[in-house]
All heavy atoms as atom14 arrays in JSON, in Angstrom:
{
  "sequence": "IAYIDMIDDTLARQIQQEILATDGHIIDAVNRVFGASEQQAALRIHQL",
  "atom14_mask": [
    [1, 1, 1, 1, 1, 1, 1, 1, 0, 0, 0, 0, 0, 0],
    [1, 1, 1, 1, 1, 0, 0, 0, 0, 0, 0, 0, 0, 0],
    [1, 1, 1, 1, 1, 1, 1, 1, 1, 1, 1, 1, 0, 0],
    [1, 1, 1, 1, 1, 1, 1, 1, 0, 0, 0, 0, 0, 0],
    [1, 1, 1, 1, 1, 1, 1, 1, 0, 0, 0, 0, 0, 0],
    [1, 1, 1, 1, 1, 1, 1, 1, 0, 0, 0, 0, 0, 0],
    [1, 1, 1, 1, 1, 1, 1, 1, 0, 0, 0, 0, 0, 0],
    [1, 1, 1, 1, 1, 1, 1, 1, 0, 0, 0, 0, 0, 0],
    [1, 1, 1, 1, 1, 1, 1, 1, 0, 0, 0, 0, 0, 0],
    [1, 1, 1, 1, 1, 1, 1, 0, 0, 0, 0, 0, 0, 0],
    [1, 1, 1, 1, 1, 1, 1, 1, 0, 0, 0, 0, 0, 0],
    [1, 1, 1, 1, 1, 0, 0, 0, 0, 0, 0, 0, 0, 0],
    [1, 1, 1, 1, 1, 1, 1, 1, 1, 1, 1, 0, 0, 0],
    [1, 1, 1, 1, 1, 1, 1, 1, 1, 0, 0, 0, 0, 0],
    [1, 1, 1, 1, 1, 1, 1, 1, 0, 0, 0, 0, 0, 0],
    [1, 1, 1, 1, 1, 1, 1, 1, 1, 0, 0, 0, 0, 0],
    [1, 1, 1, 1, 1, 1, 1, 1, 1, 0, 0, 0, 0, 0],
    [1, 1, 1, 1, 1, 1, 1, 1, 1, 0, 0, 0, 0, 0],
    [1, 1, 1, 1, 1, 1, 1, 1, 0, 0, 0, 0, 0, 0],
    [1, 1, 1, 1, 1, 1, 1, 1, 0, 0, 0, 0, 0, 0],
    [1, 1, 1, 1, 1, 0, 0, 0, 0, 0, 0, 0, 0, 0],
    [1, 1, 1, 1, 1, 1, 1, 0, 0, 0, 0, 0, 0, 0],
    [1, 1, 1, 1, 1, 1, 1, 1, 0, 0, 0, 0, 0, 0],
    [1, 1, 1, 1, 0, 0, 0, 0, 0, 0, 0, 0, 0, 0],
    [1, 1, 1, 1, 1, 1, 1, 1, 1, 1, 0, 0, 0, 0],
    [1, 1, 1, 1, 1, 1, 1, 1, 0, 0, 0, 0, 0, 0],
    [1, 1, 1, 1, 1, 1, 1, 1, 0, 0, 0, 0, 0, 0],
    [1, 1, 1, 1, 1, 1, 1, 1, 0, 0, 0, 0, 0, 0],
    [1, 1, 1, 1, 1, 0, 0, 0, 0, 0, 0, 0, 0, 0],
    [1, 1, 1, 1, 1, 1, 1, 0, 0, 0, 0, 0, 0, 0],
    [1, 1, 1, 1, 1, 1, 1, 1, 0, 0, 0, 0, 0, 0],
    [1, 1, 1, 1, 1, 1, 1, 1, 1, 1, 1, 0, 0, 0],
    [1, 1, 1, 1, 1, 1, 1, 0, 0, 0, 0, 0, 0, 0],
    [1, 1, 1, 1, 1, 1, 1, 1, 1, 1, 1, 0, 0, 0],
    [1, 1, 1, 1, 0, 0, 0, 0, 0, 0, 0, 0, 0, 0],
    [1, 1, 1, 1, 1, 0, 0, 0, 0, 0, 0, 0, 0, 0],
    [1, 1, 1, 1, 1, 1, 0, 0, 0, 0, 0, 0, 0, 0],
    [1, 1, 1, 1, 1, 1, 1, 1, 1, 0, 0, 0, 0, 0],
    [1, 1, 1, 1, 1, 1, 1, 1, 1, 0, 0, 0, 0, 0],
    [1, 1, 1, 1, 1, 1, 1, 1, 1, 0, 0, 0, 0, 0],
    [1, 1, 1, 1, 1, 0, 0, 0, 0, 0, 0, 0, 0, 0],
    [1, 1, 1, 1, 1, 0, 0, 0, 0, 0, 0, 0, 0, 0],
    [1, 1, 1, 1, 1, 1, 1, 1, 0, 0, 0, 0, 0, 0],
    [1, 1, 1, 1, 1, 1, 1, 1, 1, 1, 1, 0, 0, 0],
    [1, 1, 1, 1, 1, 1, 1, 1, 0, 0, 0, 0, 0, 0],
    [1, 1, 1, 1, 1, 1, 1, 1, 1, 1, 0, 0, 0, 0],
    [1, 1, 1, 1, 1, 1, 1, 1, 1, 0, 0, 0, 0, 0],
    [1, 1, 1, 1, 1, 1, 1, 1, 0, 0, 0, 0, 0, 0]
  ],
  "atom14_positions": [
    [[-0.9, 22.32, 10.76], [-0.24, 22.14, 12.05], [-1.25, 21.74, 13.13], [-1.02, 20.84, 13.94], [0.54, 23.39, 12.44], [1.71, 23.59, 11.47], [1.03, 23.32, 13.89], [2.39, 24.96, 11.57], [0.0, 0.0, 0.0], [0.0, 0.0, 0.0], [0.0, 0.0, 0.0], [0.0, 0.0, 0.0], [0.0, 0.0, 0.0], [0.0, 0.0, 0.0]],
    [[-2.43, 22.37, 13.13], [-3.48, 22.07, 14.08], [-3.95, 20.62, 13.9], [-4.22, 19.9, 14.87], [-4.65, 23.04, 13.95], [0.0, 0.0, 0.0], [0.0, 0.0, 0.0], [0.0, 0.0, 0.0], [0.0, 0.0, 0.0], [0.0, 0.0, 0.0], [0.0, 0.0, 0.0], [0.0, 0.0, 0.0], [0.0, 0.0, 0.0], [0.0, 0.0, 0.0]],
    [[-4.07, 20.18, 12.63], [-4.48, 18.8, 12.35], [-3.47, 17.81, 12.95], [-3.85, 16.81, 13.56], [-4.6, 18.61, 10.83], [-5.06, 17.24, 10.41], [-6.41, 16.88, 10.51], [-4.17, 16.31, 9.89], [-6.84, 15.64, 10.11], [-4.61, 15.06, 9.49], [-5.94, 14.74, 9.6], [-6.35, 13.49, 9.21], [0.0, 0.0, 0.0], [0.0, 0.0, 0.0]],
    [[-2.19, 18.08, 12.76], [-1.14, 17.22, 13.3], [-1.21, 17.16, 14.83], [-1.09, 16.11, 15.44], [0.25, 17.61, 12.81], [0.35, 17.25, 11.32], [1.35, 16.94, 13.59], [1.58, 17.74, 10.64], [0.0, 0.0, 0.0], [0.0, 0.0, 0.0], [0.0, 0.0, 0.0], [0.0, 0.0, 0.0], [0.0, 0.0, 0.0], [0.0, 0.0, 0.0]],
    [[-1.44, 18.33, 15.45], [-1.5, 18.4, 16.9], [-2.63, 17.53, 17.46], [-2.52, 17.0, 18.56], [-1.67, 19.84, 17.38], [-0.4, 20.64, 17.27], [0.7, 20.04, 17.19], [-0.49, 21.89, 17.26], [0.0, 0.0, 0.0], [0.0, 0.0, 0.0], [0.0, 0.0, 0.0], [0.0, 0.0, 0.0], [0.0, 0.0, 0.0], [0.0, 0.0, 0.0]],
    [[-3.73, 17.38, 16.71], [-4.87, 16.6, 17.21], [-4.79, 15.09, 16.91], [-5.59, 14.33, 17.37], [-6.17, 17.15, 16.69], [-6.43, 16.98, 15.21], [-7.97, 17.67, 14.72], [-8.76, 16.26, 13.99], [0.0, 0.0, 0.0], [0.0, 0.0, 0.0], [0.0, 0.0, 0.0], [0.0, 0.0, 0.0], [0.0, 0.0, 0.0], [0.0, 0.0, 0.0]],
    [[-3.78, 14.69, 16.13], [-3.68, 13.26, 15.8], [-3.24, 12.47, 17.03], [-2.23, 12.72, 17.63], [-2.69, 13.03, 14.64], [-3.2, 13.66, 13.36], [-2.44, 11.52, 14.43], [-2.25, 13.59, 12.18], [0.0, 0.0, 0.0], [0.0, 0.0, 0.0], [0.0, 0.0, 0.0], [0.0, 0.0, 0.0], [0.0, 0.0, 0.0], [0.0, 0.0, 0.0]],
    [[-4.12, 11.52, 17.4], [-3.82, 10.58, 18.5], [-3.79, 9.19, 17.92], [-3.88, 8.99, 16.68], [-4.84, 10.72, 19.6], [-6.28, 10.47, 19.15], [-6.49, 10.04, 17.97], [-7.18, 10.66, 19.96], [0.0, 0.0, 0.0], [0.0, 0.0, 0.0], [0.0, 0.0, 0.0], [0.0, 0.0, 0.0], [0.0, 0.0, 0.0], [0.0, 0.0, 0.0]],
    [[-3.68, 8.17, 18.75], [-3.62, 6.8, 18.27], [-4.86, 6.4, 17.44], [-4.74, 5.72, 16.43], [-3.47, 5.81, 19.43], [-2.09, 5.93, 20.1], [-1.19, 6.51, 19.48], [-1.96, 5.43, 21.22], [0.0, 0.0, 0.0], [0.0, 0.0, 0.0], [0.0, 0.0, 0.0], [0.0, 0.0, 0.0], [0.0, 0.0, 0.0], [0.0, 0.0, 0.0]],
    [[-6.04, 6.84, 17.89], [-7.28, 6.51, 17.17], [-7.32, 7.13, 15.79], [-7.63, 6.47, 14.79], [-8.5, 6.95, 17.99], [-8.43, 6.34, 19.28], [-9.79, 6.58, 17.31], [0.0, 0.0, 0.0], [0.0, 0.0, 0.0], [0.0, 0.0, 0.0], [0.0, 0.0, 0.0], [0.0, 0.0, 0.0], [0.0, 0.0, 0.0], [0.0, 0.0, 0.0]],
    [[-7.0, 8.41, 15.69], [-6.97, 9.09, 14.4], [-5.86, 8.55, 13.51], [-6.04, 8.39, 12.3], [-6.84, 10.6, 14.58], [-6.93, 11.45, 13.29], [-8.2, 11.13, 12.49], [-6.89, 12.92, 13.63], [0.0, 0.0, 0.0], [0.0, 0.0, 0.0], [0.0, 0.0, 0.0], [0.0, 0.0, 0.0], [0.0, 0.0, 0.0], [0.0, 0.0, 0.0]],
    [[-4.72, 8.21, 14.12], [-3.62, 7.61, 13.32], [-4.05, 6.29, 12.69], [-3.79, 6.02, 11.53], [-2.39, 7.41, 14.21], [0.0, 0.0, 0.0], [0.0, 0.0, 0.0], [0.0, 0.0, 0.0], [0.0, 0.0, 0.0], [0.0, 0.0, 0.0], [0.0, 0.0, 0.0], [0.0, 0.0, 0.0], [0.0, 0.0, 0.0], [0.0, 0.0, 0.0]],
    [[-4.79, 5.47, 13.45], [-5.29, 4.21, 12.91], [-6.31, 4.46, 11.79], [-6.33, 3.78, 10.79], [-5.94, 3.38, 14.05], [-6.4, 2.02, 13.6], [-6.79, 1.1, 14.76], [-5.58, 0.63, 15.42], [-5.16, 1.02, 16.62], [-5.82, 1.89, 17.3], [-4.05, 0.54, 17.11], [0.0, 0.0, 0.0], [0.0, 0.0, 0.0], [0.0, 0.0, 0.0]],
    [[-7.16, 5.48, 11.98], [-8.14, 5.83, 10.95], [-7.45, 6.27, 9.66], [-7.83, 5.88, 8.56], [-9.06, 6.92, 11.44], [-10.13, 7.33, 10.45], [-10.98, 8.48, 10.97], [-10.96, 8.83, 12.14], [-11.75, 9.08, 10.09], [0.0, 0.0, 0.0], [0.0, 0.0, 0.0], [0.0, 0.0, 0.0], [0.0, 0.0, 0.0], [0.0, 0.0, 0.0]],
    [[-6.4, 7.1, 9.77], [-5.65, 7.55, 8.59], [-5.01, 6.35, 7.91], [-5.08, 6.21, 6.67], [-4.59, 8.58, 8.99], [-5.24, 9.88, 9.49], [-3.62, 8.85, 7.84], [-4.28, 10.85, 10.16], [0.0, 0.0, 0.0], [0.0, 0.0, 0.0], [0.0, 0.0, 0.0], [0.0, 0.0, 0.0], [0.0, 0.0, 0.0], [0.0, 0.0, 0.0]],
    [[-4.42, 5.44, 8.68], [-3.81, 4.26, 8.12], [-4.86, 3.43, 7.36], [-4.63, 2.99, 6.24], [-3.17, 3.4, 9.22], [-2.58, 2.12, 8.66], [-2.54, 0.99, 9.68], [-3.41, 0.88, 10.54], [-1.51, 0.15, 9.58], [0.0, 0.0, 0.0], [0.0, 0.0, 0.0], [0.0, 0.0, 0.0], [0.0, 0.0, 0.0], [0.0, 0.0, 0.0]],
    [[-6.02, 3.22, 7.97], [-7.07, 2.42, 7.34], [-7.59, 3.08, 6.07], [-7.86, 2.4, 5.08], [-8.19, 2.16, 8.33], [-7.79, 1.2, 9.42], [-8.82, 1.1, 10.54], [-9.78, 1.86, 10.64], [-8.6, 0.14, 11.44], [0.0, 0.0, 0.0], [0.0, 0.0, 0.0], [0.0, 0.0, 0.0], [0.0, 0.0, 0.0], [0.0, 0.0, 0.0]],
    [[-7.69, 4.41, 6.05], [-8.13, 5.12, 4.84], [-7.12, 4.93, 3.7], [-7.5, 4.68, 2.57], [-8.32, 6.61, 5.13], [-9.53, 6.92, 5.97], [-9.58, 8.39, 6.37], [-8.77, 9.19, 5.87], [-10.46, 8.73, 7.2], [0.0, 0.0, 0.0], [0.0, 0.0, 0.0], [0.0, 0.0, 0.0], [0.0, 0.0, 0.0], [0.0, 0.0, 0.0]],
    [[-5.85, 5.06, 4.05], [-4.8, 4.89, 3.02], [-4.82, 3.46, 2.49], [-4.78, 3.25, 1.26], [-3.41, 5.26, 3.58], [-3.33, 6.76, 3.83], [-2.29, 4.82, 2.64], [-2.09, 7.2, 4.57], [0.0, 0.0, 0.0], [0.0, 0.0, 0.0], [0.0, 0.0, 0.0], [0.0, 0.0, 0.0], [0.0, 0.0, 0.0], [0.0, 0.0, 0.0]],
    [[-4.93, 2.5, 3.38], [-4.95, 1.11, 2.96], [-6.19, 0.77, 2.14], [-6.15, -0.01, 1.21], [-4.82, 0.17, 4.15], [-3.46, 0.22, 4.86], [-3.46, -0.69, 6.09], [-2.32, -0.13, 3.93], [0.0, 0.0, 0.0], [0.0, 0.0, 0.0], [0.0, 0.0, 0.0], [0.0, 0.0, 0.0], [0.0, 0.0, 0.0], [0.0, 0.0, 0.0]],
    [[-7.32, 1.4, 2.5], [-8.57, 1.17, 1.76], [-8.5, 1.72, 0.34], [-8.98, 1.1, -0.6], [-9.76, 1.78, 2.51], [0.0, 0.0, 0.0], [0.0, 0.0, 0.0], [0.0, 0.0, 0.0], [0.0, 0.0, 0.0], [0.0, 0.0, 0.0], [0.0, 0.0, 0.0], [0.0, 0.0, 0.0], [0.0, 0.0, 0.0], [0.0, 0.0, 0.0]],
    [[-7.87, 2.89, 0.19], [-7.82, 3.5, -1.14], [-6.62, 3.05, -1.96], [-6.72, 2.95, -3.19], [-7.79, 5.03, -1.05], [-6.66, 5.44, -0.28], [-9.06, 5.59, -0.41], [0.0, 0.0, 0.0], [0.0, 0.0, 0.0], [0.0, 0.0, 0.0], [0.0, 0.0, 0.0], [0.0, 0.0, 0.0], [0.0, 0.0, 0.0], [0.0, 0.0, 0.0]],
    [[-5.53, 2.71, -1.3], [-4.29, 2.38, -2.03], [-3.75, 0.99, -1.72], [-2.65, 0.64, -2.16], [-3.21, 3.42, -1.74], [-3.63, 4.81, -2.2], [-4.05, 4.92, -3.35], [-3.55, 5.75, -1.39], [0.0, 0.0, 0.0], [0.0, 0.0, 0.0], [0.0, 0.0, 0.0], [0.0, 0.0, 0.0], [0.0, 0.0, 0.0], [0.0, 0.0, 0.0]],
    [[-4.5, 0.19, -0.98], [-4.06, -1.14, -0.62], [-3.8, -2.03, -1.81], [-2.86, -2.82, -1.82], [0.0, 0.0, 0.0], [0.0, 0.0, 0.0], [0.0, 0.0, 0.0], [0.0, 0.0, 0.0], [0.0, 0.0, 0.0], [0.0, 0.0, 0.0], [0.0, 0.0, 0.0], [0.0, 0.0, 0.0], [0.0, 0.0, 0.0], [0.0, 0.0, 0.0]],
    [[-4.6, -1.88, -2.86], [-4.4, -2.68, -4.06], [-3.07, -2.36, -4.73], [-2.42, -3.23, -5.31], [-5.6, -2.51, -5.03], [-5.69, -1.12, -5.61], [-6.15, -0.03, -4.87], [-5.36, -0.65, -6.84], [-6.12, 1.06, -5.63], [-5.65, 0.71, -6.82], [0.0, 0.0, 0.0], [0.0, 0.0, 0.0], [0.0, 0.0, 0.0], [0.0, 0.0, 0.0]],
    [[-2.63, -1.11, -4.64], [-1.33, -0.73, -5.2], [-0.22, -1.37, -4.38], [0.75, -1.92, -4.93], [-1.16, 0.81, -5.22], [-2.21, 1.4, -6.18], [0.24, 1.21, -5.62], [-2.34, 2.91, -6.08], [0.0, 0.0, 0.0], [0.0, 0.0, 0.0], [0.0, 0.0, 0.0], [0.0, 0.0, 0.0], [0.0, 0.0, 0.0], [0.0, 0.0, 0.0]],
    [[-0.35, -1.3, -3.07], [0.65, -1.9, -2.16], [0.76, -3.41, -2.47], [1.85, -3.94, -2.61], [0.26, -1.67, -0.7], [0.3, -0.19, -0.4], [1.17, -2.44, 0.23], [-0.36, 0.22, 0.9], [0.0, 0.0, 0.0], [0.0, 0.0, 0.0], [0.0, 0.0, 0.0], [0.0, 0.0, 0.0], [0.0, 0.0, 0.0], [0.0, 0.0, 0.0]],
    [[-0.42, -4.08, -2.58], [-0.41, -5.5, -2.87], [0.24, -5.81, -4.2], [1.0, -6.76, -4.32], [-1.84, -6.08, -2.85], [-2.46, -6.05, -1.44], [-1.71, -5.96, -0.47], [-3.7, -6.12, -1.36], [0.0, 0.0, 0.0], [0.0, 0.0, 0.0], [0.0, 0.0, 0.0], [0.0, 0.0, 0.0], [0.0, 0.0, 0.0], [0.0, 0.0, 0.0]],
    [[-0.05, -5.01, -5.21], [0.49, -5.26, -6.55], [2.02, -5.09, -6.56], [2.72, -5.9, -7.11], [-0.15, -4.33, -7.58], [0.0, 0.0, 0.0], [0.0, 0.0, 0.0], [0.0, 0.0, 0.0], [0.0, 0.0, 0.0], [0.0, 0.0, 0.0], [0.0, 0.0, 0.0], [0.0, 0.0, 0.0], [0.0, 0.0, 0.0], [0.0, 0.0, 0.0]],
    [[2.48, -4.02, -5.92], [3.95, -3.79, -5.85], [4.62, -4.93, -5.12], [5.64, -5.47, -5.56], [4.27, -2.45, -5.2], [5.76, -2.32, -4.88], [3.82, -1.3, -6.1], [0.0, 0.0, 0.0], [0.0, 0.0, 0.0], [0.0, 0.0, 0.0], [0.0, 0.0, 0.0], [0.0, 0.0, 0.0], [0.0, 0.0, 0.0], [0.0, 0.0, 0.0]],
    [[4.07, -5.33, -3.99], [4.65, -6.41, -3.22], [4.62, -7.74, -3.98], [5.55, -8.53, -3.88], [3.96, -6.56, -1.84], [4.35, -5.45, -0.91], [5.42, -4.86, -1.02], [3.49, -5.18, 0.05], [0.0, 0.0, 0.0], [0.0, 0.0, 0.0], [0.0, 0.0, 0.0], [0.0, 0.0, 0.0], [0.0, 0.0, 0.0], [0.0, 0.0, 0.0]],
    [[3.54, -7.95, -4.75], [3.44, -9.2, -5.54], [4.51, -9.23, -6.62], [5.17, -10.23, -6.83], [2.02, -9.29, -6.17], [1.41, -10.61, -6.07], [0.02, -10.73, -6.67], [-0.55, -9.62, -7.35], [-1.44, -8.79, -6.82], [-1.85, -8.93, -5.59], [-1.96, -7.8, -7.53], [0.0, 0.0, 0.0], [0.0, 0.0, 0.0], [0.0, 0.0, 0.0]],
    [[4.67, -8.12, -7.33], [5.65, -8.09, -8.44], [7.08, -8.11, -7.92], [7.9, -8.92, -8.37], [5.42, -6.85, -9.33], [6.57, -6.69, -10.33], [4.11, -6.99, -10.09], [0.0, 0.0, 0.0], [0.0, 0.0, 0.0], [0.0, 0.0, 0.0], [0.0, 0.0, 0.0], [0.0, 0.0, 0.0], [0.0, 0.0, 0.0], [0.0, 0.0, 0.0]],
    [[7.38, -7.28, -6.95], [8.75, -7.17, -6.5], [9.13, -8.24, -5.48], [10.3, -8.44, -5.2], [9.04, -5.76, -5.97], [9.07, -4.75, -7.06], [7.98, -3.97, -7.33], [10.21, -4.6, -7.84], [7.99, -3.03, -8.35], [10.24, -3.66, -8.86], [9.11, -2.9, -9.13], [0.0, 0.0, 0.0], [0.0, 0.0, 0.0], [0.0, 0.0, 0.0]],
    [[8.12, -8.93, -4.94], [8.41, -10.02, -4.03], [8.41, -11.37, -4.74], [8.7, -12.4, -4.12], [0.0, 0.0, 0.0], [0.0, 0.0, 0.0], [0.0, 0.0, 0.0], [0.0, 0.0, 0.0], [0.0, 0.0, 0.0], [0.0, 0.0, 0.0], [0.0, 0.0, 0.0], [0.0, 0.0, 0.0], [0.0, 0.0, 0.0], [0.0, 0.0, 0.0]],
    [[8.11, -11.33, -6.0], [8.05, -12.58, -6.77], [9.43, -13.01, -7.24], [10.4, -12.25, -7.24], [7.16, -12.35, -8.01], [0.0, 0.0, 0.0], [0.0, 0.0, 0.0], [0.0, 0.0, 0.0], [0.0, 0.0, 0.0], [0.0, 0.0, 0.0], [0.0, 0.0, 0.0], [0.0, 0.0, 0.0], [0.0, 0.0, 0.0], [0.0, 0.0, 0.0]],
    [[9.5, -14.24, -7.68], [10.73, -14.72, -8.27], [10.94, -13.99, -9.59], [10.03, -13.37, -10.12], [10.65, -16.22, -8.55], [9.7, -16.47, -9.59], [0.0, 0.0, 0.0], [0.0, 0.0, 0.0], [0.0, 0.0, 0.0], [0.0, 0.0, 0.0], [0.0, 0.0, 0.0], [0.0, 0.0, 0.0], [0.0, 0.0, 0.0], [0.0, 0.0, 0.0]],
    [[12.16, -14.08, -10.13], [12.42, -13.42, -11.41], [11.48, -13.92, -12.51], [11.0, -13.13, -13.33], [13.87, -13.65, -11.85], [14.86, -12.77, -11.12], [16.28, -12.94, -11.67], [16.43, -13.0, -12.91], [17.2, -13.03, -10.87], [0.0, 0.0, 0.0], [0.0, 0.0, 0.0], [0.0, 0.0, 0.0], [0.0, 0.0, 0.0], [0.0, 0.0, 0.0]],
    [[11.22, -15.21, -12.55], [10.36, -15.8, -13.56], [8.92, -15.27, -13.42], [8.29, -14.88, -14.41], [10.39, -17.31, -13.48], [9.62, -18.0, -14.59], [9.71, -19.52, -14.48], [10.03, -20.06, -13.45], [9.41, -20.19, -15.57], [0.0, 0.0, 0.0], [0.0, 0.0, 0.0], [0.0, 0.0, 0.0], [0.0, 0.0, 0.0], [0.0, 0.0, 0.0]],
    [[8.41, -15.24, -12.18], [7.05, -14.75, -11.97], [6.96, -13.27, -12.33], [5.98, -12.83, -12.93], [6.66, -14.94, -10.5], [6.46, -16.39, -10.09], [6.35, -16.52, -8.57], [7.01, -15.83, -7.82], [5.47, -17.4, -8.16], [0.0, 0.0, 0.0], [0.0, 0.0, 0.0], [0.0, 0.0, 0.0], [0.0, 0.0, 0.0], [0.0, 0.0, 0.0]],
    [[7.96, -12.47, -11.94], [7.96, -11.04, -12.24], [8.02, -10.82, -13.74], [7.3, -9.96, -14.28], [9.14, -10.36, -11.56], [0.0, 0.0, 0.0], [0.0, 0.0, 0.0], [0.0, 0.0, 0.0], [0.0, 0.0, 0.0], [0.0, 0.0, 0.0], [0.0, 0.0, 0.0], [0.0, 0.0, 0.0], [0.0, 0.0, 0.0], [0.0, 0.0, 0.0]],
    [[8.84, -11.56, -14.46], [8.93, -11.42, -15.92], [7.6, -11.74, -16.59], [7.19, -11.02, -17.52], [10.05, -12.31, -16.49], [0.0, 0.0, 0.0], [0.0, 0.0, 0.0], [0.0, 0.0, 0.0], [0.0, 0.0, 0.0], [0.0, 0.0, 0.0], [0.0, 0.0, 0.0], [0.0, 0.0, 0.0], [0.0, 0.0, 0.0], [0.0, 0.0, 0.0]],
    [[6.92, -12.77, -16.14], [5.62, -13.12, -16.68], [4.62, -12.02, -16.43], [3.89, -11.61, -17.34], [5.11, -14.44, -16.08], [3.7, -14.87, -16.46], [3.62, -15.13, -17.98], [3.28, -16.11, -15.7], [0.0, 0.0, 0.0], [0.0, 0.0, 0.0], [0.0, 0.0, 0.0], [0.0, 0.0, 0.0], [0.0, 0.0, 0.0], [0.0, 0.0, 0.0]],
    [[4.6, -11.48, -15.23], [3.64, -10.41, -14.88], [3.96, -9.16, -15.69], [3.02, -8.48, -16.19], [3.7, -10.1, -13.39], [2.68, -9.09, -12.93], [1.27, -9.63, -13.1], [0.33, -8.61, -12.7], [-0.78, -8.34, -13.35], [-1.13, -9.02, -14.4], [-1.58, -7.38, -12.95], [0.0, 0.0, 0.0], [0.0, 0.0, 0.0], [0.0, 0.0, 0.0]],
    [[5.21, -8.78, -15.86], [5.57, -7.62, -16.66], [5.14, -7.81, -18.11], [4.6, -6.91, -18.75], [7.07, -7.34, -16.54], [7.41, -6.83, -15.13], [7.55, -6.33, -17.61], [8.88, -6.75, -14.81], [0.0, 0.0, 0.0], [0.0, 0.0, 0.0], [0.0, 0.0, 0.0], [0.0, 0.0, 0.0], [0.0, 0.0, 0.0], [0.0, 0.0, 0.0]],
    [[5.31, -9.05, -18.63], [4.87, -9.33, -20.0], [3.35, -9.17, -20.11], [2.85, -8.61, -21.08], [5.3, -10.76, -20.38], [4.82, -11.19, -21.73], [5.34, -10.69, -22.9], [3.83, -12.05, -22.06], [4.69, -11.23, -23.92], [3.79, -12.06, -23.46], [0.0, 0.0, 0.0], [0.0, 0.0, 0.0], [0.0, 0.0, 0.0], [0.0, 0.0, 0.0]],
    [[2.61, -9.67, -19.11], [1.15, -9.54, -19.12], [0.72, -8.06, -19.08], [-0.19, -7.64, -19.8], [0.56, -10.28, -17.93], [0.64, -11.79, -18.03], [0.26, -12.48, -16.74], [0.31, -11.9, -15.66], [-0.11, -13.75, -16.86], [0.0, 0.0, 0.0], [0.0, 0.0, 0.0], [0.0, 0.0, 0.0], [0.0, 0.0, 0.0], [0.0, 0.0, 0.0]],
    [[1.37, -7.27, -18.22], [1.04, -5.86, -18.12], [1.37, -5.13, -19.41], [0.61, -4.29, -19.89], [1.8, -5.23, -16.95], [1.35, -5.64, -15.56], [2.31, -5.11, -14.5], [-0.06, -5.18, -15.28], [0.0, 0.0, 0.0], [0.0, 0.0, 0.0], [0.0, 0.0, 0.0], [0.0, 0.0, 0.0], [0.0, 0.0, 0.0], [0.0, 0.0, 0.0]]
  ]
}
């Protein structure tokens, strides 16, 4: 609760950047597969 109380815009941006730095590749991969056409998604699923 104390941690949440101290979160301001600067700390919120830092938390966002940490999440994107550690998990950004997952976000990109999900967006690539699910944002792709059916044919592109099927090819990627076959490759995986």
